[in-house]
Protein backbone atom coordinates (compact mmCIF):
# COMPACT_ATOMS: atom_id res chain seq x y z
CA UNK A 1 0.00 0.00 0.00
CA UNK A 2 1.38 3.41 -0.99
CA UNK A 3 1.24 6.06 1.75
CA UNK A 4 1.60 9.64 0.52
CA UNK A 5 0.49 11.79 3.50
CA UNK A 6 1.38 11.33 7.17
CA UNK A 7 1.43 13.35 10.38
CA UNK A 8 4.27 12.65 12.81
CA UNK A 9 5.05 13.75 16.36
CA UNK A 10 8.84 14.16 16.59
CA UNK A 11 10.98 14.76 19.70
CA UNK A 12 14.74 14.88 20.14
CA UNK A 13 16.37 12.95 22.97
CA UNK A 14 16.88 14.45 26.41
CA UNK A 15 20.37 15.01 27.78
CA UNK A 16 21.63 12.77 30.55
CA UNK A 17 21.61 13.92 34.14
CA UNK A 18 24.82 15.15 35.72
CA UNK A 19 26.15 13.46 38.85
CA UNK A 20 26.30 15.32 42.16
CA UNK A 21 29.35 14.01 43.99
CA UNK A 22 32.05 15.38 46.27
CA UNK A 23 35.52 13.90 46.71
CA UNK A 24 35.93 12.31 50.12
CA UNK A 25 38.79 9.98 51.00
CA UNK A 26 41.39 9.42 53.73
CA UNK A 27 43.78 12.01 52.31
CA UNK A 28 41.28 14.80 51.53
CA UNK A 29 38.33 15.54 53.76
CA UNK A 30 36.98 18.28 51.50
CA UNK A 31 38.29 17.58 48.04
CA UNK A 32 35.68 19.47 46.05
CA UNK A 33 33.18 18.38 43.43
CA UNK A 34 33.95 15.38 41.23
CA UNK A 35 30.65 14.61 39.48
CA UNK A 36 30.54 14.29 35.68
CA UNK A 37 28.20 15.92 33.16
CA UNK A 38 25.48 13.95 31.38
CA UNK A 39 25.68 13.08 27.68
CA UNK A 40 23.81 14.88 24.89
CA UNK A 41 20.50 13.56 23.61
CA UNK A 42 20.14 12.33 20.03
CA UNK A 43 19.06 14.55 17.12
CA UNK A 44 16.58 13.63 14.38
CA UNK A 45 17.53 14.02 10.71
CA UNK A 46 15.57 13.59 7.46
CA UNK A 47 17.47 12.15 4.48
CA UNK A 48 16.21 11.76 0.91
CA UNK A 49 16.11 8.40 -0.88
CA UNK A 50 14.90 6.98 -4.21
CA UNK A 51 12.59 4.41 -2.56
CA UNK A 52 9.00 5.61 -3.02
CA UNK A 53 7.55 3.32 -0.36
CA UNK A 54 9.61 4.70 2.56
CA UNK A 55 6.58 6.53 4.01
CA UNK A 56 4.77 3.22 4.50
CA UNK A 57 6.83 2.56 7.66
CA UNK A 58 4.87 5.39 9.33
CA UNK A 59 1.45 3.99 8.53
CA UNK A 60 0.93 2.89 12.15
CA UNK A 61 3.93 4.51 13.87
CA UNK A 62 3.09 8.18 14.51
CA UNK A 63 5.58 9.11 17.26
CA UNK A 64 9.34 9.27 16.79
CA UNK A 65 11.70 10.00 19.68
CA UNK A 66 15.47 9.99 19.59
CA UNK A 67 17.51 8.24 22.28
CA UNK A 68 18.35 9.98 25.56
CA UNK A 69 21.91 10.71 26.74
CA UNK A 70 23.50 8.60 29.48
CA UNK A 71 23.85 10.10 32.97
CA UNK A 72 27.23 11.18 34.35
CA UNK A 73 28.95 9.43 37.22
CA UNK A 74 31.28 10.01 40.13
CA UNK A 75 35.04 10.59 39.66
CA UNK A 76 34.36 13.05 36.79
CA UNK A 77 32.87 10.37 34.54
CA UNK A 78 31.01 12.07 31.70
CA UNK A 79 27.89 10.44 30.29
CA UNK A 80 27.83 9.00 26.78
CA UNK A 81 26.12 10.93 23.98
CA UNK A 82 23.08 9.27 22.38
CA UNK A 83 23.02 8.13 18.75
CA UNK A 84 21.20 10.28 16.22
CA UNK A 85 18.05 9.05 14.47
CA UNK A 86 17.87 9.20 10.67
CA UNK A 87 14.51 8.98 8.88
CA UNK A 88 14.48 8.12 5.17
CA UNK A 89 11.95 9.98 3.02
CA UNK A 90 11.38 9.82 -0.75
CA UNK A 91 12.70 12.68 -2.88
CA UNK A 92 10.10 15.39 -3.41
CA UNK A 93 8.52 14.92 0.03
CA UNK A 94 7.33 18.18 1.56
CA UNK A 95 7.77 18.44 5.32
CA UNK A 96 5.70 21.08 7.12
CA UNK A 97 6.54 22.26 10.64
CA UNK A 98 3.12 23.08 12.10
CA UNK A 99 4.63 25.12 14.95
CA UNK A 100 6.60 27.50 12.69
CA UNK A 101 4.51 27.15 9.50
CA UNK A 102 7.66 26.35 7.49
CA UNK A 103 7.79 23.91 4.59
CA UNK A 104 10.94 22.04 3.57
CA UNK A 105 11.23 19.87 0.47
CA UNK A 106 13.54 16.84 0.42
CA UNK A 107 15.51 17.25 -2.84
CA UNK A 108 18.86 15.55 -2.15
CA UNK A 109 20.62 13.13 0.20
CA UNK A 110 22.01 15.82 2.48
CA UNK A 111 20.72 15.29 6.04
CA UNK A 112 18.29 17.94 7.28
CA UNK A 113 18.24 18.59 11.02
CA UNK A 114 14.63 18.46 12.25
CA UNK A 115 14.93 18.21 16.05
CA UNK A 116 17.88 18.98 18.32
C-alpha atoms as a PDB file:
ATOM      1  CA  UNK A   1       0.000   0.000   0.000  1.00  0.00           C
ATOM      2  CA  UNK A   2       1.384   3.406  -0.991  1.00  0.00           C
ATOM      3  CA  UNK A   3       1.240   6.057   1.747  1.00  0.00           C
ATOM      4  CA  UNK A   4       1.595   9.643   0.523  1.00  0.00           C
ATOM      5  CA  UNK A   5       0.492  11.787   3.495  1.00  0.00           C
ATOM      6  CA  UNK A   6       1.383  11.328   7.168  1.00  0.00           C
ATOM      7  CA  UNK A   7       1.430  13.351  10.379  1.00  0.00           C
ATOM      8  CA  UNK A   8       4.272  12.646  12.814  1.00  0.00           C
ATOM      9  CA  UNK A   9       5.046  13.746  16.358  1.00  0.00           C
ATOM     10  CA  UNK A  10       8.842  14.159  16.592  1.00  0.00           C
ATOM     11  CA  UNK A  11      10.976  14.761  19.701  1.00  0.00           C
ATOM     12  CA  UNK A  12      14.742  14.876  20.141  1.00  0.00           C
ATOM     13  CA  UNK A  13      16.369  12.949  22.975  1.00  0.00           C
ATOM     14  CA  UNK A  14      16.877  14.446  26.413  1.00  0.00           C
ATOM     15  CA  UNK A  15      20.369  15.014  27.780  1.00  0.00           C
ATOM     16  CA  UNK A  16      21.629  12.766  30.546  1.00  0.00           C
ATOM     17  CA  UNK A  17      21.608  13.925  34.143  1.00  0.00           C
ATOM     18  CA  UNK A  18      24.824  15.147  35.721  1.00  0.00           C
ATOM     19  CA  UNK A  19      26.149  13.462  38.850  1.00  0.00           C
ATOM     20  CA  UNK A  20      26.302  15.324  42.155  1.00  0.00           C
ATOM     21  CA  UNK A  21      29.348  14.015  43.995  1.00  0.00           C
ATOM     22  CA  UNK A  22      32.053  15.382  46.267  1.00  0.00           C
ATOM     23  CA  UNK A  23      35.517  13.898  46.707  1.00  0.00           C
ATOM     24  CA  UNK A  24      35.927  12.305  50.119  1.00  0.00           C
ATOM     25  CA  UNK A  25      38.790   9.978  51.004  1.00  0.00           C
ATOM     26  CA  UNK A  26      41.387   9.416  53.735  1.00  0.00           C
ATOM     27  CA  UNK A  27      43.781  12.012  52.308  1.00  0.00           C
ATOM     28  CA  UNK A  28      41.277  14.798  51.530  1.00  0.00           C
ATOM     29  CA  UNK A  29      38.331  15.538  53.759  1.00  0.00           C
ATOM     30  CA  UNK A  30      36.976  18.283  51.504  1.00  0.00           C
ATOM     31  CA  UNK A  31      38.293  17.581  48.044  1.00  0.00           C
ATOM     32  CA  UNK A  32      35.683  19.472  46.054  1.00  0.00           C
ATOM     33  CA  UNK A  33      33.175  18.381  43.433  1.00  0.00           C
ATOM     34  CA  UNK A  34      33.950  15.380  41.229  1.00  0.00           C
ATOM     35  CA  UNK A  35      30.654  14.608  39.478  1.00  0.00           C
ATOM     36  CA  UNK A  36      30.538  14.293  35.682  1.00  0.00           C
ATOM     37  CA  UNK A  37      28.197  15.920  33.161  1.00  0.00           C
ATOM     38  CA  UNK A  38      25.481  13.946  31.377  1.00  0.00           C
ATOM     39  CA  UNK A  39      25.675  13.076  27.675  1.00  0.00           C
ATOM     40  CA  UNK A  40      23.810  14.885  24.889  1.00  0.00           C
ATOM     41  CA  UNK A  41      20.501  13.561  23.613  1.00  0.00           C
ATOM     42  CA  UNK A  42      20.135  12.331  20.033  1.00  0.00           C
ATOM     43  CA  UNK A  43      19.056  14.545  17.122  1.00  0.00           C
ATOM     44  CA  UNK A  44      16.580  13.627  14.378  1.00  0.00           C
ATOM     45  CA  UNK A  45      17.533  14.019  10.709  1.00  0.00           C
ATOM     46  CA  UNK A  46      15.569  13.591   7.464  1.00  0.00           C
ATOM     47  CA  UNK A  47      17.467  12.149   4.480  1.00  0.00           C
ATOM     48  CA  UNK A  48      16.213  11.757   0.905  1.00  0.00           C
ATOM     49  CA  UNK A  49      16.106   8.404  -0.879  1.00  0.00           C
ATOM     50  CA  UNK A  50      14.897   6.981  -4.212  1.00  0.00           C
ATOM     51  CA  UNK A  51      12.593   4.409  -2.558  1.00  0.00           C
ATOM     52  CA  UNK A  52       8.998   5.607  -3.021  1.00  0.00           C
ATOM     53  CA  UNK A  53       7.546   3.317  -0.355  1.00  0.00           C
ATOM     54  CA  UNK A  54       9.608   4.704   2.563  1.00  0.00           C
ATOM     55  CA  UNK A  55       6.584   6.532   4.010  1.00  0.00           C
ATOM     56  CA  UNK A  56       4.770   3.216   4.502  1.00  0.00           C
ATOM     57  CA  UNK A  57       6.827   2.555   7.664  1.00  0.00           C
ATOM     58  CA  UNK A  58       4.874   5.394   9.329  1.00  0.00           C
ATOM     59  CA  UNK A  59       1.451   3.992   8.527  1.00  0.00           C
ATOM     60  CA  UNK A  60       0.932   2.893  12.145  1.00  0.00           C
ATOM     61  CA  UNK A  61       3.930   4.514  13.868  1.00  0.00           C
ATOM     62  CA  UNK A  62       3.091   8.184  14.508  1.00  0.00           C
ATOM     63  CA  UNK A  63       5.581   9.114  17.262  1.00  0.00           C
ATOM     64  CA  UNK A  64       9.339   9.266  16.788  1.00  0.00           C
ATOM     65  CA  UNK A  65      11.695  10.000  19.683  1.00  0.00           C
ATOM     66  CA  UNK A  66      15.472   9.987  19.589  1.00  0.00           C
ATOM     67  CA  UNK A  67      17.511   8.237  22.283  1.00  0.00           C
ATOM     68  CA  UNK A  68      18.354   9.976  25.565  1.00  0.00           C
ATOM     69  CA  UNK A  69      21.905  10.711  26.736  1.00  0.00           C
ATOM     70  CA  UNK A  70      23.498   8.596  29.478  1.00  0.00           C
ATOM     71  CA  UNK A  71      23.847  10.097  32.972  1.00  0.00           C
ATOM     72  CA  UNK A  72      27.233  11.182  34.352  1.00  0.00           C
ATOM     73  CA  UNK A  73      28.953   9.426  37.221  1.00  0.00           C
ATOM     74  CA  UNK A  74      31.283  10.013  40.133  1.00  0.00           C
ATOM     75  CA  UNK A  75      35.042  10.592  39.661  1.00  0.00           C
ATOM     76  CA  UNK A  76      34.362  13.055  36.795  1.00  0.00           C
ATOM     77  CA  UNK A  77      32.865  10.373  34.538  1.00  0.00           C
ATOM     78  CA  UNK A  78      31.012  12.075  31.695  1.00  0.00           C
ATOM     79  CA  UNK A  79      27.885  10.436  30.287  1.00  0.00           C
ATOM     80  CA  UNK A  80      27.832   8.996  26.780  1.00  0.00           C
ATOM     81  CA  UNK A  81      26.124  10.931  23.976  1.00  0.00           C
ATOM     82  CA  UNK A  82      23.081   9.272  22.380  1.00  0.00           C
ATOM     83  CA  UNK A  83      23.017   8.130  18.752  1.00  0.00           C
ATOM     84  CA  UNK A  84      21.204  10.285  16.216  1.00  0.00           C
ATOM     85  CA  UNK A  85      18.055   9.046  14.473  1.00  0.00           C
ATOM     86  CA  UNK A  86      17.870   9.197  10.666  1.00  0.00           C
ATOM     87  CA  UNK A  87      14.515   8.985   8.876  1.00  0.00           C
ATOM     88  CA  UNK A  88      14.479   8.124   5.171  1.00  0.00           C
ATOM     89  CA  UNK A  89      11.947   9.979   3.020  1.00  0.00           C
ATOM     90  CA  UNK A  90      11.381   9.820  -0.749  1.00  0.00           C
ATOM     91  CA  UNK A  91      12.699  12.678  -2.882  1.00  0.00           C
ATOM     92  CA  UNK A  92      10.100  15.391  -3.411  1.00  0.00           C
ATOM     93  CA  UNK A  93       8.523  14.922   0.029  1.00  0.00           C
ATOM     94  CA  UNK A  94       7.325  18.182   1.555  1.00  0.00           C
ATOM     95  CA  UNK A  95       7.773  18.441   5.324  1.00  0.00           C
ATOM     96  CA  UNK A  96       5.698  21.077   7.119  1.00  0.00           C
ATOM     97  CA  UNK A  97       6.539  22.260  10.638  1.00  0.00           C
ATOM     98  CA  UNK A  98       3.123  23.082  12.099  1.00  0.00           C
ATOM     99  CA  UNK A  99       4.630  25.122  14.950  1.00  0.00           C
ATOM    100  CA  UNK A 100       6.598  27.499  12.694  1.00  0.00           C
ATOM    101  CA  UNK A 101       4.506  27.152   9.496  1.00  0.00           C
ATOM    102  CA  UNK A 102       7.656  26.351   7.492  1.00  0.00           C
ATOM    103  CA  UNK A 103       7.790  23.914   4.585  1.00  0.00           C
ATOM    104  CA  UNK A 104      10.941  22.037   3.574  1.00  0.00           C
ATOM    105  CA  UNK A 105      11.226  19.866   0.468  1.00  0.00           C
ATOM    106  CA  UNK A 106      13.537  16.845   0.417  1.00  0.00           C
ATOM    107  CA  UNK A 107      15.509  17.250  -2.835  1.00  0.00           C
ATOM    108  CA  UNK A 108      18.861  15.551  -2.149  1.00  0.00           C
ATOM    109  CA  UNK A 109      20.618  13.128   0.196  1.00  0.00           C
ATOM    110  CA  UNK A 110      22.006  15.825   2.484  1.00  0.00           C
ATOM    111  CA  UNK A 111      20.719  15.286   6.042  1.00  0.00           C
ATOM    112  CA  UNK A 112      18.292  17.945   7.280  1.00  0.00           C
ATOM    113  CA  UNK A 113      18.241  18.589  11.022  1.00  0.00           C
ATOM    114  CA  UNK A 114      14.634  18.456  12.255  1.00  0.00           C
ATOM    115  CA  UNK A 115      14.925  18.209  16.051  1.00  0.00           C
ATOM    116  CA  UNK A 116      17.882  18.985  18.320  1.00  0.00           C
END
